[in-house]
C-alpha atoms as a PDB file:
ATOM      1  CA  MET A   1     -22.619  55.437  -6.436  1.00  0.00           C
ATOM      2  CA  ALA A   2     -24.592  52.414  -5.230  1.00  0.00           C
ATOM      3  CA  GLN A   3     -22.871  49.109  -4.758  1.00  0.00           C
ATOM      4  CA  GLY A   4     -25.384  47.152  -6.886  1.00  0.00           C
ATOM      5  CA  THR A   5     -24.627  49.180 -10.044  1.00  0.00           C
ATOM      6  CA  GLN A   6     -20.894  48.436 -10.128  1.00  0.00           C
ATOM      7  CA  ALA A   7     -19.870  45.914 -12.777  1.00  0.00           C
ATOM      8  CA  ASP A   8     -17.826  42.909 -11.757  1.00  0.00           C
ATOM      9  CA  PRO A   9     -14.385  43.375 -13.370  1.00  0.00           C
ATOM     10  CA  PHE A  10     -13.849  39.629 -13.640  1.00  0.00           C
ATOM     11  CA  GLU A  11     -17.262  38.768 -15.116  1.00  0.00           C
ATOM     12  CA  MET A  12     -16.035  39.090 -18.716  1.00  0.00           C
ATOM     13  CA  TRP A  13     -13.024  36.946 -17.884  1.00  0.00           C
ATOM     14  CA  ARG A  14     -15.213  34.220 -16.269  1.00  0.00           C
ATOM     15  CA  ASP A  15     -17.556  34.217 -19.279  1.00  0.00           C
ATOM     16  CA  TRP A  16     -14.614  33.936 -21.660  1.00  0.00           C
ATOM     17  CA  MET A  17     -13.147  31.045 -19.625  1.00  0.00           C
ATOM     18  CA  ALA A  18     -16.472  29.189 -19.523  1.00  0.00           C
ATOM     19  CA  ASN A  19     -17.014  29.603 -23.284  1.00  0.00           C
ATOM     20  CA  SER A  20     -13.467  28.612 -24.129  1.00  0.00           C
ATOM     21  CA  GLU A  21     -13.664  25.541 -21.866  1.00  0.00           C
ATOM     22  CA  ARG A  22     -16.936  24.516 -23.501  1.00  0.00           C
ATOM     23  CA  GLN A  23     -15.398  24.909 -26.996  1.00  0.00           C
ATOM     24  CA  TRP A  24     -12.287  22.899 -26.085  1.00  0.00           C
ATOM     25  CA  ASN A  25     -14.419  20.137 -24.531  1.00  0.00           C
ATOM     26  CA  GLY A  26     -16.499  19.903 -27.691  1.00  0.00           C
ATOM     27  CA  PHE A  27     -13.443  19.844 -29.962  1.00  0.00           C
ATOM     28  CA  LEU A  28     -11.598  17.227 -27.915  1.00  0.00           C
ATOM     29  CA  ASN A  29     -14.679  15.028 -27.506  1.00  0.00           C
ATOM     30  CA  ASN A  30     -15.119  15.030 -31.286  1.00  0.00           C
ATOM     31  CA  ALA A  31     -11.423  14.246 -31.791  1.00  0.00           C
ATOM     32  CA  MET A  32     -11.476  11.363 -29.276  1.00  0.00           C
ATOM     33  CA  ALA A  33     -14.528   9.825 -30.954  1.00  0.00           C
ATOM     34  CA  THR A  34     -12.584   9.080 -34.151  1.00  0.00           C
ATOM     35  CA  ASP A  35     -11.077   5.712 -35.087  1.00  0.00           C
ATOM     36  CA  GLN A  36      -7.694   7.345 -35.681  1.00  0.00           C
ATOM     37  CA  PHE A  37      -7.544   8.505 -32.089  1.00  0.00           C
ATOM     38  CA  THR A  38      -8.415   5.103 -30.656  1.00  0.00           C
ATOM     39  CA  GLN A  39      -5.857   3.382 -32.908  1.00  0.00           C
ATOM     40  CA  SER A  40      -3.125   5.849 -31.994  1.00  0.00           C
ATOM     41  CA  MET A  41      -3.923   5.508 -28.263  1.00  0.00           C
ATOM     42  CA  GLY A  42      -3.832   1.708 -28.609  1.00  0.00           C
ATOM     43  CA  GLN A  43      -0.440   1.899 -30.312  1.00  0.00           C
ATOM     44  CA  PHE A  44       0.815   4.311 -27.664  1.00  0.00           C
ATOM     45  CA  MET A  45      -0.294   1.936 -24.885  1.00  0.00           C
ATOM     46  CA  ASP A  46       1.413  -1.004 -26.629  1.00  0.00           C
ATOM     47  CA  VAL A  47       4.658   0.955 -26.893  1.00  0.00           C
ATOM     48  CA  TYR A  48       4.374   2.090 -23.269  1.00  0.00           C
ATOM     49  CA  LEU A  49       3.729  -1.429 -21.946  1.00  0.00           C
ATOM     50  CA  ASN A  50       6.590  -2.916 -24.003  1.00  0.00           C
ATOM     51  CA  MET A  51       8.923  -0.178 -22.764  1.00  0.00           C
ATOM     52  CA  GLN A  52       7.834  -0.820 -19.170  1.00  0.00           C
ATOM     53  CA  LYS A  53       8.391  -4.571 -19.571  1.00  0.00           C
ATOM     54  CA  SER A  54      11.843  -4.013 -21.083  1.00  0.00           C
ATOM     55  CA  MET A  55      12.772  -1.589 -18.319  1.00  0.00           C
ATOM     56  CA  ASN A  56      11.649  -4.095 -15.683  1.00  0.00           C
ATOM     57  CA  GLU A  57      13.803  -6.818 -17.243  1.00  0.00           C
ATOM     58  CA  VAL A  58      16.834  -4.521 -17.537  1.00  0.00           C
ATOM     59  CA  MET A  59      16.484  -3.361 -13.927  1.00  0.00           C
ATOM     60  CA  GLY A  60      16.116  -6.985 -12.803  1.00  0.00           C
ATOM     61  CA  ARG A  61      19.371  -7.937 -14.529  1.00  0.00           C
ATOM     62  CA  TYR A  62      21.060  -4.841 -13.107  1.00  0.00           C
ATOM     63  CA  MET A  63      19.913  -5.662  -9.568  1.00  0.00           C
ATOM     64  CA  SER A  64      21.060  -9.245 -10.002  1.00  0.00           C
ATOM     65  CA  ALA A  65      24.473  -8.050 -11.164  1.00  0.00           C
ATOM     66  CA  LEU A  66      24.737  -5.895  -8.034  1.00  0.00           C
ATOM     67  CA  ASN A  67      23.477  -8.798  -5.910  1.00  0.00           C
ATOM     68  CA  LEU A  68      20.486  -6.742  -4.736  1.00  0.00           C
ATOM     69  CA  PRO A  69      16.938  -8.063  -4.389  1.00  0.00           C
ATOM     70  CA  THR A  70      14.408  -7.045  -7.010  1.00  0.00           C
ATOM     71  CA  ARG A  71      10.863  -5.906  -6.311  1.00  0.00           C
ATOM     72  CA  ASN A  72       9.577  -9.406  -7.028  1.00  0.00           C
ATOM     73  CA  ASP A  73      12.104 -10.863  -4.574  1.00  0.00           C
ATOM     74  CA  ILE A  74      10.893  -8.512  -1.842  1.00  0.00           C
ATOM     75  CA  LEU A  75       7.230  -9.309  -2.587  1.00  0.00           C
ATOM     76  CA  THR A  76       7.939 -13.056  -2.486  1.00  0.00           C
ATOM     77  CA  LEU A  77       9.791 -12.647   0.799  1.00  0.00           C
ATOM     78  CA  GLY A  78       6.874 -10.687   2.254  1.00  0.00           C
ATOM     79  CA  GLU A  79       4.409 -13.403   1.231  1.00  0.00           C
ATOM     80  CA  ARG A  80       6.589 -16.093   2.803  1.00  0.00           C
ATOM     81  CA  LEU A  81       6.923 -14.077   6.007  1.00  0.00           C
ATOM     82  CA  SER A  82       3.166 -13.604   6.162  1.00  0.00           C
ATOM     83  CA  ALA A  83       2.651 -17.369   5.736  1.00  0.00           C
ATOM     84  CA  ILE A  84       5.152 -18.059   8.544  1.00  0.00           C
ATOM     85  CA  GLU A  85       3.358 -15.599  10.846  1.00  0.00           C
ATOM     86  CA  ASP A  86       0.027 -17.261  10.096  1.00  0.00           C
ATOM     87  CA  HIS A  87       1.513 -20.681  10.835  1.00  0.00           C
ATOM     88  CA  LEU A  88       3.005 -19.442  14.118  1.00  0.00           C
ATOM     89  CA  GLY A  89      -0.385 -18.015  15.062  1.00  0.00           C
ATOM     90  CA  THR A  90      -2.039 -21.405  14.604  1.00  0.00           C
ATOM     91  CA  ILE A  91       0.707 -23.080  16.639  1.00  0.00           C
ATOM     92  CA  GLU A  92       0.250 -20.497  19.406  1.00  0.00           C
ATOM     93  CA  SER A  93      -3.493 -21.020  19.528  1.00  0.00           C
ATOM     94  CA  ALA A  94      -3.034 -24.813  19.579  1.00  0.00           C
ATOM     95  CA  LEU A  95      -0.573 -24.523  22.470  1.00  0.00           C
ATOM     96  CA  GLY A  96      -2.972 -22.237  24.306  1.00  0.00           C
ATOM     97  CA  ALA A  97      -5.751 -24.783  23.933  1.00  0.00           C
ATOM     98  CA  MET A  98      -3.487 -27.583  25.252  1.00  0.00           C
ATOM     99  CA  LYS A  99      -2.646 -25.749  28.502  1.00  0.00           C
ATOM    100  CA  SER A 100      -3.856 -27.518  31.598  1.00  0.00           C
ATOM    101  CA  PRO A 101      -6.295 -25.637  33.852  1.00  0.00           C
ATOM    102  CA  ALA A 102      -3.789 -25.643  36.762  1.00  0.00           C
ATOM    103  CA  ALA A 103      -1.074 -24.082  34.615  1.00  0.00           C
ATOM    104  CA  ALA A 104      -3.556 -21.539  33.303  1.00  0.00           C
ATOM    105  CA  LYS A 105      -4.494 -20.554  36.886  1.00  0.00           C
ATOM    106  CA  ALA A 106      -0.827 -20.223  37.896  1.00  0.00           C
ATOM    107  CA  THR A 107      -0.086 -18.063  34.896  1.00  0.00           C
ATOM    108  CA  THR A 108      -3.045 -15.804  35.510  1.00  0.00           C
ATOM    109  CA  ALA A 109      -2.204 -15.538  39.208  1.00  0.00           C
ATOM    110  CA  ALA A 110       1.139 -14.044  38.253  1.00  0.00           C
ATOM    111  CA  SER A 111       1.162 -10.976  36.085  1.00  0.00           C
ATOM    112  CA  PRO A 112      -0.449 -11.595  32.682  1.00  0.00           C
ATOM    113  CA  GLY A 113       2.015 -12.380  29.890  1.00  0.00           C
ATOM    114  CA  VAL A 114       4.766 -13.506  32.330  1.00  0.00           C
ATOM    115  CA  ALA A 115       5.464 -17.214  32.821  1.00  0.00           C
ATOM    116  CA  ALA A 116       5.138 -18.568  36.347  1.00  0.00           C
ATOM    117  CA  ARG A 117       8.492 -18.954  38.140  1.00  0.00           C
ATOM    118  CA  PRO A 118       9.479 -21.751  40.486  1.00  0.00           C
ATOM    119  CA  PRO A 119       9.509 -20.832  44.182  1.00  0.00           C
ATOM    120  CA  ARG A 120      12.686 -19.248  45.489  1.00  0.00           C
ATOM    121  CA  THR A 121      14.542 -21.619  47.812  1.00  0.00           C
ATOM    122  CA  LYS A 122      17.592 -19.577  48.796  1.00  0.00           C
ATOM    123  CA  LYS A 123      17.111 -16.905  51.351  1.00  0.00           C
ATOM    124  CA  PRO A 124      19.095 -13.690  51.125  1.00  0.00           C
ATOM    125  CA  ARG A 125      22.048 -13.208  53.439  1.00  0.00           C
ATOM    126  CA  VAL A 126      21.399 -11.270  56.565  1.00  0.00           C
ATOM    127  CA  SER A 127      24.219  -8.844  57.260  1.00  0.00           C
END
């Protein structure tokens, strides 16, 4: 028996799946094109959004009763922290611009990122 003459056992199944998918797509596209469908989806979305809003309010009251921060509290805190970091960055850059050239040379002569230390005046004890 030659290999080319054997029938694919899953060919009928693939054809059936493709035809059934095509039929379902056609049926559902026709159903979604109706005014009833759009009205019912609009009503469903209204109910969903109202339920979500109510749940958010209930959870906010619950978190307040437990003295825990809500999601909005955390977001507000994050925004404030970001503003503080931005402000500190501008202060840092202003201070960097105000450095005198002599202080800049002394700082770079030492290791970078470490402030220059005053000279050591005490000598270690000799034993």
